[in-house]
Amino acid sequence: MAATDSPARTSDAITGFESTFADELTPLTVEWRGADVPDPRLLVANDQLAASLGLDVDSLRTEDGIAILSGAAVPADGKPVATAYSGHQFGGYAPLLGDGRALLLGELVDVEGRRVDLQLKGSGPTPFSRGGDGFAVVGPMLREYLVSEAMHALGVPTTRSLAVVATGRGIHRNGVEPGAVLARVAASHLRVGTFEFAARNGSVLQPLADYAVARHYPDLAEVPTTGGGNRYAKLLERVVERQAALVAQWMLVGFVHGVMNTDNTTISGETIDYGPCAFIDAFDPAAVFSSIDHGGRYAFGNQPAVLKWNLARFAETLLTLISPTPDDAIAVATATLSTFDAHYERHLYDGLSAKLGLADTFVEHEVIDDLLTLLAAHRADWTGAFRALAEELRGRSTPLDILLPREASTPWLARWREALARHGRDEAATADAMDRVNPLYIPRNHLVDEALQAANDGDLALFAELLDVVTNPFERRVEWVKYTSPAPEEFNSSFQTFCGT
């Protein structure tokens, strides 16, 4: 294990680091550094993201740049730390989790003035490793890179991926697999689990809440900490709203997170931790892909309810800050949590209305609900269905007929066209508008699996092409036609994802 008092190689290949979290919330951090790396090799780097962070793109590819991205070297102006947090995992409380295989290198201020974290994932054991080896392997790190960048291209709030570095270290998982480190960029790594740890461990809770406000909701900084308009009650309101919007966006693109523990629920409202994640092909609220979700707790259709449950755990951590009178604090928190369903439904149905070309705000409740029932009954491809509906408006019926029997779709199509007419929607213009919000390409599970297996064997060509496709999700190209098809049924019947730990 890397020791904090052993000599550390430093480099200025990546500069500009600050450490406000570590400086202001020291009780939540342990200074640490990554393990040595036998044979670092850059697998993929995100030049566009690097430029937006004000980094020298060429420096990332130098020996020193790769050393920082692998954890083998410490930035000259950085102060790497492992952070502490708790969490409810599959409903059970774990009082101490923390960064068991990650290091927060520090914070960078991007070219638009936004503060972000740069964290390494898979850089070796830390004091929070809980018996694990602290390392990661190529497949899961490339999956997070691919899926997080696809989510960004789809407009879903998310952490992003700067690079993946192969370490040259063999890691024991299912046999020996090649090791890798992911460099992840986030608005912050503040989690519900961070608050759960702080609430049970002394006087750091209020400084943490104030730090979260300053970093993510700075307009609340002037709100009083007591009395009417309580700052911490307002913080809860904002996080509830952002998380409701986030999970609605997951549902709209067919994303299944797979491990929605409270330590994977951010205060910023970003998607974080692409472990056993997947995208649905057939529309199925019961869809589960994670090998560890035996009871379907985190199934596709359960995600909004789980998110609300996680936010209740967040609310519990803030009770003493909201009011010194427990009954008053509980009343405020309960009232705020009760708004989640309305926030979620508004975001979901606004999105569904836009996907159907009806309007940008929620209309035609029954038309939308009946489509969902129809898609579920026939296990129709979620992503392809909305593109097929746009083609239907253009007079091309074949794409929809592949997904739904014409005798089943005809009555609904008539009602949809009537709804479009009521709202004064020209069919040709509506089809074009639908194509602007409905992706043609997503990270289809069978294609991701194929690309990662090849990458594990040293061939990155399929990964590079798939990355190009999913980061241009709305742009139709003839040569990308295979990326629009759902997986064969024999693949879906046995496919599982793994968290890679």
Protein backbone atom coordinates (compact mmCIF):
# COMPACT_ATOMS: atom_id res chain seq x y z
CA MET A 1 0.00 0.00 0.00
CA ALA A 2 1.25 3.47 -0.83
CA ALA A 3 2.44 5.27 2.29
CA THR A 4 1.96 8.97 2.82
CA ASP A 5 5.45 9.40 4.20
CA SER A 6 7.31 7.64 1.36
CA PRO A 7 8.94 9.69 -1.43
CA ALA A 8 6.48 10.63 -4.16
CA ARG A 9 7.34 11.39 -7.76
CA THR A 10 5.96 14.80 -8.70
CA SER A 11 5.22 16.31 -12.09
CA ASP A 12 3.94 19.57 -13.53
CA ALA A 13 2.48 17.96 -16.66
CA ILE A 14 -0.97 18.82 -15.27
CA THR A 15 -1.15 22.03 -13.28
CA GLY A 16 -3.69 24.40 -11.80
CA PHE A 17 -4.87 22.22 -8.94
CA GLU A 18 -6.62 23.62 -5.88
CA SER A 19 -7.79 21.71 -2.82
CA THR A 20 -10.70 23.56 -1.23
CA PHE A 21 -12.46 20.35 -0.17
CA ALA A 22 -9.39 18.88 1.49
CA ASP A 23 -8.45 22.22 3.08
CA GLU A 24 -11.90 23.09 4.42
CA LEU A 25 -13.10 19.60 5.33
CA THR A 26 -9.97 17.87 6.52
CA PRO A 27 -11.84 15.40 8.79
CA LEU A 28 -13.38 13.88 5.64
CA THR A 29 -10.05 13.20 3.92
CA VAL A 30 -6.82 11.24 4.26
CA GLU A 31 -3.78 12.43 2.33
CA TRP A 32 -2.65 9.57 0.13
CA ARG A 33 -1.09 8.71 -3.21
CA GLY A 34 -1.50 6.05 -5.84
CA ALA A 35 0.39 2.80 -6.16
CA ASP A 36 3.38 2.48 -8.45
CA VAL A 37 2.50 1.51 -12.02
CA PRO A 38 4.64 -1.16 -13.71
CA ASP A 39 4.04 -0.23 -17.34
CA PRO A 40 1.64 2.69 -17.90
CA ARG A 41 0.12 3.07 -21.35
CA LEU A 42 -2.52 5.58 -22.40
CA LEU A 43 -5.52 3.78 -23.89
CA VAL A 44 -7.79 6.76 -24.56
CA ALA A 45 -7.74 10.47 -23.78
CA ASN A 46 -10.50 13.06 -24.08
CA ASP A 47 -8.89 15.98 -25.88
CA GLN A 48 -12.09 18.04 -25.97
CA LEU A 49 -12.61 17.70 -22.23
CA ALA A 50 -8.93 18.40 -21.53
CA ALA A 51 -9.11 21.62 -23.54
CA SER A 52 -12.26 22.70 -21.68
CA LEU A 53 -10.32 22.24 -18.43
CA GLY A 54 -7.55 24.50 -19.69
CA LEU A 55 -5.08 21.60 -19.80
CA ASP A 56 -2.28 21.18 -22.31
CA VAL A 57 -3.59 18.30 -24.40
CA ASP A 58 -0.13 17.28 -25.59
CA SER A 59 1.16 17.14 -22.01
CA LEU A 60 -1.39 14.47 -21.13
CA ARG A 61 0.30 12.13 -23.60
CA THR A 62 3.81 12.62 -22.26
CA GLU A 63 5.42 10.18 -19.85
CA ASP A 64 4.83 12.60 -16.98
CA GLY A 65 1.22 13.24 -17.99
CA ILE A 66 0.46 9.53 -18.15
CA ALA A 67 2.16 9.07 -14.77
CA ILE A 68 -0.23 11.58 -13.17
CA LEU A 69 -3.25 10.04 -14.88
CA SER A 70 -2.25 6.61 -13.59
CA GLY A 71 -1.58 7.74 -10.02
CA ALA A 72 2.13 6.94 -10.21
CA ALA A 73 3.06 10.63 -9.96
CA VAL A 74 1.60 13.45 -7.87
CA PRO A 75 0.84 16.81 -9.50
CA ALA A 76 3.37 19.36 -8.29
CA ASP A 77 0.60 21.64 -7.04
CA GLY A 78 -1.79 18.86 -6.04
CA LYS A 79 -2.66 17.29 -2.71
CA PRO A 80 -4.20 13.88 -3.42
CA VAL A 81 -6.65 12.59 -0.83
CA ALA A 82 -8.96 9.66 -0.30
CA THR A 83 -12.34 10.83 0.95
CA ALA A 84 -14.53 9.32 3.64
CA TYR A 85 -18.25 8.61 3.31
CA SER A 86 -20.91 6.23 4.52
CA GLY A 87 -23.77 4.78 2.55
CA HIS A 88 -26.87 2.67 2.32
CA GLN A 89 -26.03 -0.18 -0.03
CA PHE A 90 -29.05 -2.16 -1.24
CA GLY A 91 -30.91 -0.65 1.72
CA GLY A 92 -28.38 -1.63 4.41
CA TYR A 93 -26.33 1.02 6.18
CA ALA A 94 -22.53 0.83 6.04
CA PRO A 95 -21.02 3.38 8.48
CA LEU A 96 -17.65 3.62 6.71
CA LEU A 97 -17.11 3.19 3.00
CA GLY A 98 -14.91 5.89 1.48
CA ASP A 99 -12.64 5.89 -1.54
CA GLY A 100 -11.43 2.32 -1.45
CA ARG A 101 -9.84 2.51 -4.88
CA ALA A 102 -9.90 6.18 -5.75
CA LEU A 103 -7.93 9.36 -5.15
CA LEU A 104 -9.12 12.94 -5.46
CA LEU A 105 -6.15 14.66 -7.09
CA GLY A 106 -7.71 18.06 -6.51
CA GLU A 107 -9.89 20.64 -8.18
CA LEU A 108 -9.47 22.47 -11.45
CA VAL A 109 -11.27 25.60 -12.63
CA ASP A 110 -12.33 25.16 -16.25
CA VAL A 111 -12.29 27.76 -19.00
CA GLU A 112 -15.83 28.86 -18.07
CA GLY A 113 -14.91 29.39 -14.43
CA ARG A 114 -16.54 26.22 -13.06
CA ARG A 115 -14.78 24.28 -10.32
CA VAL A 116 -14.51 20.53 -10.96
CA ASP A 117 -12.84 17.56 -9.31
CA LEU A 118 -10.27 15.36 -11.00
CA GLN A 119 -10.34 11.91 -9.43
CA LEU A 120 -8.49 8.70 -10.25
CA LYS A 121 -10.41 5.43 -10.05
CA GLY A 122 -8.43 2.21 -9.67
CA SER A 123 -5.20 3.81 -8.47
CA GLY A 124 -4.55 1.35 -5.65
CA PRO A 125 -5.47 0.59 -2.04
CA THR A 126 -6.30 3.32 0.46
CA PRO A 127 -7.19 3.28 4.17
CA PHE A 128 -10.81 2.78 3.03
CA SER A 129 -10.20 -0.32 0.89
CA ARG A 130 -11.87 -2.66 3.41
CA GLY A 131 -9.77 -5.64 2.34
CA GLY A 132 -10.01 -4.93 -1.39
CA ASP A 133 -6.99 -4.52 -3.62
CA GLY A 134 -7.88 -0.96 -4.66
CA PHE A 135 -7.30 -1.61 -8.33
CA ALA A 136 -9.53 -1.63 -11.42
CA VAL A 137 -9.37 -3.43 -14.74
CA VAL A 138 -9.53 -2.33 -18.35
CA GLY A 139 -13.08 -3.41 -19.23
CA PRO A 140 -15.04 -1.58 -16.51
CA MET A 141 -12.90 1.55 -16.81
CA LEU A 142 -13.46 1.73 -20.55
CA ARG A 143 -17.17 1.09 -19.96
CA GLU A 144 -17.36 4.10 -17.64
CA TYR A 145 -15.46 6.21 -20.17
CA LEU A 146 -17.77 5.17 -23.01
CA VAL A 147 -21.09 5.39 -21.18
CA SER A 148 -20.36 8.62 -19.32
CA GLU A 149 -19.36 10.33 -22.57
CA ALA A 150 -22.47 8.94 -24.27
CA MET A 151 -24.62 10.33 -21.45
CA HIS A 152 -22.96 13.72 -21.84
CA ALA A 153 -23.71 13.67 -25.57
CA LEU A 154 -27.34 12.81 -24.76
CA GLY A 155 -27.54 15.88 -22.51
CA VAL A 156 -27.80 13.95 -19.24
CA PRO A 157 -25.91 15.53 -16.29
CA THR A 158 -22.94 13.27 -15.62
CA THR A 159 -19.41 12.92 -14.47
CA ARG A 160 -17.07 12.74 -17.44
CA SER A 161 -13.99 10.79 -18.37
CA LEU A 162 -10.64 12.38 -19.13
CA ALA A 163 -8.51 9.29 -19.76
CA VAL A 164 -7.99 5.60 -19.20
CA VAL A 165 -4.46 4.35 -18.59
CA ALA A 166 -3.48 0.68 -18.67
CA THR A 167 -1.12 -0.05 -15.80
CA GLY A 168 0.61 -3.22 -16.92
CA ARG A 169 -0.46 -4.87 -13.66
CA GLY A 170 -2.41 -8.10 -13.73
CA ILE A 171 -5.47 -7.94 -11.48
CA HIS A 172 -7.23 -11.01 -10.10
CA ARG A 173 -10.92 -10.90 -10.98
CA ASN A 174 -12.36 -13.65 -13.15
CA GLY A 175 -8.87 -14.94 -13.74
CA VAL A 176 -6.13 -12.35 -14.25
CA GLU A 177 -7.27 -9.23 -16.11
CA PRO A 178 -5.27 -6.19 -17.27
CA GLY A 179 -5.29 -3.32 -14.78
CA ALA A 180 -6.33 0.23 -15.60
CA VAL A 181 -7.00 3.62 -14.03
CA LEU A 182 -9.78 6.00 -15.05
CA ALA A 183 -9.37 9.76 -14.67
CA ARG A 184 -12.84 11.12 -13.85
CA VAL A 185 -14.06 14.71 -13.86
CA ALA A 186 -17.04 15.71 -11.69
CA ALA A 187 -18.74 18.88 -10.52
CA SER A 188 -17.80 17.39 -7.15
CA HIS A 189 -17.74 14.03 -5.44
CA LEU A 190 -20.09 15.14 -2.65
CA ARG A 191 -22.60 12.36 -2.12
CA VAL A 192 -25.55 11.61 0.10
CA GLY A 193 -23.13 9.17 1.70
CA THR A 194 -20.74 12.04 2.48
CA PHE A 195 -23.51 13.67 4.51
CA GLU A 196 -24.39 10.39 6.17
CA PHE A 197 -20.80 10.08 7.38
CA ALA A 198 -20.64 13.71 8.53
CA ALA A 199 -23.96 13.52 10.39
CA ARG A 200 -22.68 10.66 12.50
CA ASN A 201 -19.15 11.90 13.02
CA GLY A 202 -19.00 15.17 14.90
CA SER A 203 -19.00 18.82 14.02
CA VAL A 204 -18.19 18.63 10.31
CA LEU A 205 -21.84 18.48 9.14
CA GLN A 206 -22.56 22.20 8.99
CA PRO A 207 -19.23 23.07 7.32
CA LEU A 208 -19.96 20.34 4.77
CA ALA A 209 -23.45 21.70 4.09
CA ASP A 210 -22.07 25.22 3.71
CA TYR A 211 -19.39 23.93 1.36
CA ALA A 212 -22.03 22.16 -0.76
CA VAL A 213 -24.08 25.36 -0.91
CA ALA A 214 -21.08 27.48 -1.91
CA ARG A 215 -19.99 25.02 -4.58
CA HIS A 216 -23.30 23.95 -6.14
CA TYR A 217 -26.00 26.41 -5.03
CA PRO A 218 -24.13 29.68 -4.40
CA ASP A 219 -27.31 31.77 -4.58
CA LEU A 220 -28.31 30.16 -1.27
CA ALA A 221 -25.20 31.40 0.53
CA GLU A 222 -26.98 34.57 1.66
CA VAL A 223 -30.03 32.71 2.95
CA PRO A 224 -30.09 32.71 6.79
CA THR A 225 -29.12 29.50 8.53
CA THR A 226 -32.06 29.75 10.92
CA GLY A 227 -35.64 30.94 10.82
CA GLY A 228 -37.70 31.51 7.68
CA GLY A 229 -36.02 30.52 4.43
CA ASN A 230 -33.57 28.25 6.25
CA ARG A 231 -30.48 27.69 4.08
CA TYR A 232 -30.37 23.95 4.72
CA ALA A 233 -34.05 23.45 4.01
CA LYS A 234 -33.43 25.25 0.71
CA LEU A 235 -30.43 23.00 0.04
CA LEU A 236 -32.68 19.97 0.45
CA GLU A 237 -35.23 21.50 -1.94
CA ARG A 238 -32.59 22.06 -4.61
CA VAL A 239 -31.10 18.59 -4.37
CA VAL A 240 -34.57 17.01 -4.53
CA GLU A 241 -35.37 19.03 -7.65
CA ARG A 242 -32.08 18.21 -9.39
CA GLN A 243 -32.24 14.52 -8.61
CA ALA A 244 -35.86 14.32 -9.75
CA ALA A 245 -34.83 15.89 -13.05
CA LEU A 246 -31.86 13.53 -13.35
CA VAL A 247 -33.75 10.29 -12.84
CA ALA A 248 -36.40 11.46 -15.32
CA GLN A 249 -33.64 11.90 -17.89
CA TRP A 250 -32.39 8.38 -17.15
CA MET A 251 -35.86 7.03 -17.84
CA LEU A 252 -36.20 9.01 -21.06
CA VAL A 253 -33.01 7.53 -22.55
CA GLY A 254 -33.56 4.02 -21.14
CA PHE A 255 -30.60 4.07 -18.76
CA VAL A 256 -30.33 1.59 -15.88
CA HIS A 257 -27.78 2.71 -13.28
CA GLY A 258 -27.61 -0.67 -11.60
CA VAL A 259 -26.23 0.30 -8.18
CA MET A 260 -28.19 3.26 -6.82
CA ASN A 261 -26.72 3.25 -3.33
CA THR A 262 -26.69 6.51 -1.38
CA ASP A 263 -22.94 6.79 -1.89
CA ASN A 264 -23.70 6.93 -5.63
CA THR A 265 -26.22 9.78 -5.31
CA THR A 266 -24.60 13.17 -5.81
CA ILE A 267 -25.46 16.51 -4.26
CA SER A 268 -24.72 18.20 -7.59
CA GLY A 269 -27.33 16.18 -9.49
CA GLU A 270 -24.84 14.42 -11.75
CA THR A 271 -24.86 10.74 -12.67
CA ILE A 272 -21.90 9.04 -11.00
CA ASP A 273 -20.36 5.56 -10.89
CA TYR A 274 -20.97 3.57 -14.07
CA GLY A 275 -20.50 0.12 -12.59
CA PRO A 276 -23.14 -2.46 -13.56
CA CYS A 277 -24.97 0.01 -15.79
CA ALA A 278 -26.80 -0.75 -19.04
CA PHE A 279 -29.39 0.56 -21.49
CA ILE A 280 -32.68 -1.18 -22.13
CA ASP A 281 -33.48 -2.49 -25.58
CA ALA A 282 -37.05 -3.74 -25.05
CA PHE A 283 -39.16 -1.37 -22.96
CA ASP A 284 -39.46 -3.27 -19.70
CA PRO A 285 -39.86 -1.57 -16.30
CA ALA A 286 -38.59 -4.77 -14.61
CA ALA A 287 -35.30 -4.81 -16.55
CA VAL A 288 -32.27 -5.64 -14.38
CA PHE A 289 -28.76 -6.16 -15.71
CA SER A 290 -26.58 -6.09 -12.59
CA SER A 291 -25.19 -9.41 -11.43
CA ILE A 292 -25.45 -8.28 -7.80
CA ASP A 293 -29.05 -6.98 -7.88
CA HIS A 294 -30.68 -10.31 -7.13
CA GLY A 295 -33.98 -8.87 -5.93
CA GLY A 296 -34.41 -6.23 -8.62
CA ARG A 297 -34.17 -3.34 -6.14
CA TYR A 298 -32.55 -1.15 -8.80
CA ALA A 299 -34.63 -2.31 -11.78
CA PHE A 300 -35.29 0.24 -14.52
CA GLY A 301 -38.82 1.07 -13.37
CA ASN A 302 -37.83 1.25 -9.68
CA GLN A 303 -35.28 4.01 -10.15
CA PRO A 304 -37.53 6.99 -9.28
CA ALA A 305 -38.74 5.35 -6.05
CA VAL A 306 -35.18 4.42 -5.04
CA LEU A 307 -33.99 7.95 -5.73
CA LYS A 308 -36.73 9.31 -3.48
CA TRP A 309 -35.69 6.82 -0.76
CA ASN A 310 -32.07 7.98 -1.07
CA LEU A 311 -33.17 11.61 -0.75
CA ALA A 312 -35.02 10.72 2.45
CA ARG A 313 -31.68 9.52 3.83
CA PHE A 314 -30.16 12.87 2.78
CA ALA A 315 -33.00 14.73 4.50
CA GLU A 316 -32.30 12.82 7.72
CA THR A 317 -28.74 14.11 7.77
CA LEU A 318 -29.95 17.73 7.60
CA LEU A 319 -32.59 17.60 10.32
CA THR A 320 -30.45 19.18 13.07
CA LEU A 321 -29.49 21.99 10.67
CA ILE A 322 -33.03 22.64 9.51
CA SER A 323 -34.35 23.14 13.05
CA PRO A 324 -33.28 22.42 16.65
CA THR A 325 -36.83 21.21 17.25
CA PRO A 326 -37.08 17.66 15.85
CA ASP A 327 -40.78 17.79 15.03
CA ASP A 328 -40.35 21.04 13.13
CA ALA A 329 -37.36 19.71 11.20
CA ILE A 330 -39.19 16.51 10.29
CA ALA A 331 -42.22 18.45 9.12
CA VAL A 332 -40.09 20.63 6.81
CA ALA A 333 -38.14 17.67 5.44
CA THR A 334 -41.27 15.60 4.90
CA ALA A 335 -42.98 18.44 3.04
CA THR A 336 -39.95 18.86 0.77
CA LEU A 337 -39.65 15.15 0.03
CA SER A 338 -43.34 15.06 -0.82
CA THR A 339 -42.60 17.34 -3.80
CA PHE A 340 -40.35 14.74 -5.44
CA ASP A 341 -43.12 12.90 -7.27
CA ALA A 342 -44.51 16.07 -8.83
CA HIS A 343 -41.04 17.24 -9.88
CA TYR A 344 -40.25 13.84 -11.39
CA GLU A 345 -43.54 13.49 -13.26
CA ARG A 346 -43.23 17.00 -14.66
CA HIS A 347 -39.74 16.34 -15.99
CA LEU A 348 -40.66 12.89 -17.29
CA TYR A 349 -43.83 13.92 -19.09
CA ASP A 350 -42.30 17.12 -20.46
CA GLY A 351 -39.61 14.89 -21.94
CA LEU A 352 -42.06 12.34 -23.28
CA SER A 353 -44.15 15.10 -24.82
CA ALA A 354 -41.06 16.39 -26.61
CA LYS A 355 -40.09 12.88 -27.72
CA LEU A 356 -43.53 12.52 -29.33
CA GLY A 357 -43.40 15.94 -30.97
CA LEU A 358 -46.43 17.16 -29.05
CA ALA A 359 -44.88 20.07 -27.16
CA ASP A 360 -41.98 20.93 -24.89
CA THR A 361 -44.29 20.88 -21.88
CA PHE A 362 -46.53 18.10 -20.70
CA VAL A 363 -49.70 17.47 -22.71
CA GLU A 364 -51.85 14.50 -23.69
CA HIS A 365 -51.44 12.31 -20.60
CA GLU A 366 -53.52 9.39 -21.92
CA VAL A 367 -51.84 9.33 -25.31
CA ILE A 368 -48.43 9.09 -23.64
CA ASP A 369 -49.46 6.49 -21.09
CA ASP A 370 -51.13 4.32 -23.70
CA LEU A 371 -47.98 4.36 -25.82
CA LEU A 372 -45.94 3.15 -22.84
CA THR A 373 -48.43 0.34 -22.30
CA LEU A 374 -48.23 -0.60 -25.98
CA LEU A 375 -44.44 -0.63 -26.02
CA ALA A 376 -44.27 -2.74 -22.86
CA ALA A 377 -46.86 -5.23 -24.10
CA HIS A 378 -44.84 -5.91 -27.25
CA ARG A 379 -41.38 -5.45 -25.71
CA ALA A 380 -40.64 -2.88 -28.38
CA ASP A 381 -37.21 -1.31 -28.66
CA TRP A 382 -37.33 1.88 -26.58
CA THR A 383 -34.78 3.92 -28.52
CA GLY A 384 -35.86 2.76 -31.95
CA ALA A 385 -39.58 3.30 -31.33
CA PHE A 386 -39.41 7.10 -31.23
CA ARG A 387 -37.29 7.30 -34.36
CA ALA A 388 -39.72 4.90 -36.05
CA LEU A 389 -42.63 7.15 -35.07
CA ALA A 390 -40.89 10.09 -36.74
CA GLU A 391 -40.50 7.98 -39.89
CA GLU A 392 -44.23 7.14 -39.67
CA LEU A 393 -44.98 10.85 -39.97
CA ARG A 394 -42.83 10.93 -43.10
CA GLY A 395 -44.93 8.15 -44.64
CA ARG A 396 -42.41 5.38 -44.04
CA SER A 397 -44.15 2.65 -42.04
CA THR A 398 -41.60 -0.19 -42.19
CA PRO A 399 -39.46 0.85 -39.17
CA LEU A 400 -42.50 0.89 -36.86
CA ASP A 401 -43.93 -2.32 -38.32
CA ILE A 402 -40.72 -4.10 -37.34
CA LEU A 403 -41.31 -3.08 -33.71
CA LEU A 404 -45.10 -3.26 -33.35
CA PRO A 405 -47.83 -5.21 -35.16
CA ARG A 406 -49.77 -2.82 -37.36
CA GLU A 407 -53.09 -3.98 -35.91
CA ALA A 408 -51.83 -2.99 -32.44
CA SER A 409 -50.31 0.34 -33.42
CA THR A 410 -53.04 1.66 -35.76
CA PRO A 411 -55.56 2.82 -33.11
CA TRP A 412 -52.88 4.59 -31.10
CA LEU A 413 -51.35 6.20 -34.19
CA ALA A 414 -54.73 7.69 -35.08
CA ARG A 415 -55.06 9.23 -31.61
CA TRP A 416 -51.49 10.57 -31.76
CA ARG A 417 -52.09 12.23 -35.11
CA GLU A 418 -55.29 13.76 -33.76
CA ALA A 419 -53.32 15.13 -30.79
CA LEU A 420 -50.70 16.61 -33.12
CA ALA A 421 -53.44 18.29 -35.13
CA ARG A 422 -55.03 19.72 -31.96
CA HIS A 423 -51.73 21.34 -31.09
CA GLY A 424 -51.20 22.66 -34.59
CA ARG A 425 -48.18 20.48 -35.27
CA ASP A 426 -47.17 20.04 -38.91
CA GLU A 427 -46.23 16.39 -39.37
CA ALA A 428 -43.04 16.92 -41.40
CA ALA A 429 -41.74 19.60 -39.03
CA THR A 430 -42.72 17.43 -36.07
CA ALA A 431 -40.71 14.50 -37.42
CA ASP A 432 -37.64 16.71 -37.71
CA ALA A 433 -38.16 18.04 -34.18
CA MET A 434 -38.47 14.50 -32.85
CA ASP A 435 -35.18 13.51 -34.46
CA ARG A 436 -33.47 16.35 -32.62
CA VAL A 437 -34.43 14.95 -29.19
CA ASN A 438 -34.61 11.20 -29.83
CA PRO A 439 -31.21 9.54 -30.16
CA LEU A 440 -30.51 7.17 -32.99
CA TYR A 441 -27.54 5.61 -31.22
CA ILE A 442 -27.05 4.57 -27.62
CA PRO A 443 -24.43 2.25 -26.06
CA ARG A 444 -26.23 -0.97 -27.00
CA ASN A 445 -25.27 -3.63 -24.49
CA HIS A 446 -24.14 -6.26 -26.99
CA LEU A 447 -21.96 -3.76 -28.83
CA VAL A 448 -20.42 -2.47 -25.61
CA ASP A 449 -19.72 -6.02 -24.53
CA GLU A 450 -18.12 -6.84 -27.89
CA ALA A 451 -15.94 -3.72 -27.81
CA LEU A 452 -14.79 -4.31 -24.23
CA GLN A 453 -13.91 -7.92 -24.86
CA ALA A 454 -11.76 -6.87 -27.81
CA ALA A 455 -10.15 -4.10 -25.76
CA ASN A 456 -9.36 -6.58 -23.01
CA ASP A 457 -7.40 -8.51 -25.65
CA GLY A 458 -5.55 -5.36 -26.72
CA ASP A 459 -7.66 -4.31 -29.73
CA LEU A 460 -9.22 -0.86 -29.25
CA ALA A 461 -10.61 -0.42 -32.77
CA LEU A 462 -14.18 -1.46 -31.93
CA PHE A 463 -14.14 0.69 -28.79
CA ALA A 464 -12.94 3.75 -30.71
CA GLU A 465 -15.65 3.36 -33.35
CA LEU A 466 -18.38 2.79 -30.78
CA LEU A 467 -17.22 5.85 -28.84
CA ASP A 468 -17.48 7.93 -32.02
CA VAL A 469 -20.99 6.64 -32.65
CA VAL A 470 -22.44 7.17 -29.17
CA THR A 471 -20.96 10.65 -28.81
CA ASN A 472 -22.82 11.65 -31.98
CA PRO A 473 -26.18 10.14 -31.00
CA PHE A 474 -28.48 12.13 -33.30
CA GLU A 475 -26.46 12.13 -36.53
CA ARG A 476 -27.54 9.44 -39.00
CA ARG A 477 -24.73 7.85 -40.97
CA VAL A 478 -25.18 5.00 -43.42
CA GLU A 479 -22.04 3.24 -42.22
CA TRP A 480 -23.40 3.17 -38.65
CA VAL A 481 -26.57 1.25 -39.42
CA LYS A 482 -25.56 -1.75 -37.27
CA TYR A 483 -25.49 0.47 -34.21
CA THR A 484 -29.25 1.08 -34.38
CA SER A 485 -30.29 -2.53 -33.82
CA PRO A 486 -31.14 -4.07 -30.44
CA ALA A 487 -29.28 -7.13 -29.24
CA PRO A 488 -30.30 -10.61 -30.39
CA GLU A 489 -32.68 -12.25 -27.94
CA GLU A 490 -30.14 -14.94 -27.07
CA PHE A 491 -27.75 -12.22 -25.91
CA ASN A 492 -30.34 -10.45 -23.77
CA SER A 493 -31.46 -13.65 -22.11
CA SER A 494 -28.08 -14.13 -20.45
CA PHE A 495 -26.46 -10.69 -20.38
CA GLN A 496 -25.28 -9.36 -17.03
CA THR A 497 -23.06 -6.48 -16.01
CA PHE A 498 -20.53 -6.47 -13.23
CA CYS A 499 -19.24 -3.65 -11.05
CA GLY A 500 -15.60 -4.59 -11.69
CA THR A 501 -14.48 -4.49 -8.08
